[in-house]
Structures are given as C-alpha cells and as structure tokens.
Amino acid sequence: MLAVTTADDDDRLIARLSARATDNPDVTIHVALRYREGRAHAVVELSGPPAPDLDAWADDLQVPGDALSCYRVSEALRWDRPGAALPAGGGVSFICFVRRAAGMDPDKFERHWTEMHRPLAIKHHEGMLRYVQNVVREQLAPVDGPAVDGIAELVFANEDIDAGLFPTEESRRIIGEDVDRFLSESRAGLYRLLA
C-alpha cells in the first residue's frame, strides 16, 4: 500500500492519480474527502509483486519522494456484510493506519486484531459494509518513518459514518476499551474510491 501526502492542489493530484490508475488495472486508489494535517491525501492499493518503483510513482505524481509512504502488507481479512451491497462508486472508506500497543509484539498484535477485535468490529460497527484488515509486513518507505503495524479499511455507504461506526454508546465503549488493549495510536481519514 502506498500513502501519498503532499501540499499539492488536490485536483492536480487526482488527475495524475487517475492517469496512473488507467495504466494499471491492479491499482485501487482512495482519495481523501477532507485533508487534515498528518493524514494521507491518497491511499493506493497495489496488487502483487514486485514492490512499486517509488521514484517512478513520485515522478508520475509530481511529488517529492518523501511524500510517499509504502508498506508491504498481507490481507488478513476481507469481510462483506451479508445482504448489504456496496453503493455504486464503492462508498466511503474510513482508512486507519494503526500502531500496536507498547510492549506488544507483532504476533500478539496480529492475533488480537484478527481474532479478538474483528468480531467486535463486525458486531458493533453496524453500518459498516466491508471490513479489510491489512497487516504490515514491511515498511518500505520511509524506512525511518513512524512505524505502522496495520492498515484497516472500513467501508460505509456515504460519508455520514458516525451512526454506522458507533450506533450506541455501548458500542463506542466496547470498541474503545478493546482498542486501548492493543493499539497505541492511529491516524485515520475518510476517502472515496477514485473512479
């Protein structure tokens, strides 16, 4: 997965991302609905080896190399809510870059995320249409950047995700308590699928 963070004009970046996606059918691009400091402007999913040529991506997108973060991930889960169809265009993705709790080793983090948190998320995020867990296996760039252990993608029908994310205060409490057990931090944003 590739995260693009730049001060460039969103429309120009989107045009360059669209051109890059047209050239490669194995690319899925999510563009930020609202950019906030420290959040990625775009998240790019690339299928299969080899690792992306980051210099070529930076040149094509006309961004400095340090605007790109790249992670080799393995998809631990792709779950679609039974009976629920994604809207035309794919809906809105709430993408979270997460870091495991201090003192928790990577294997314990992965087990907790996939075995303990997954059923809670599916039960309590009632408006979630799709849930994808990507375990980061290697941080390719920047090698000395802030560590990321997982990238979660929660898909909703539209950008009004509050009711679907936490339909009740009990849901908010249960998810919050579990998150406190295995995560130290997360950076999240709302994205739309680039058609």
Foldseek 3Di string as FASTA:
>chain_A
DKFFADPDDLVLLLVLVVVVCVVPVQKWKWAFPDDDPPHGRMDIDGDDDDFDPLVVVCVSSVHDSQRMWDFDWDKPDKDFDPPDDADVQRAKKKKKFFDWDPPDDLVNLVCCVNPPLVVLQPVFLQQFGIKIKIATPATPPPNPDDDTGIMIITGGNYDPRPCNRGVDVVSVVVNVVSCVVITDDMDIGMTTISD
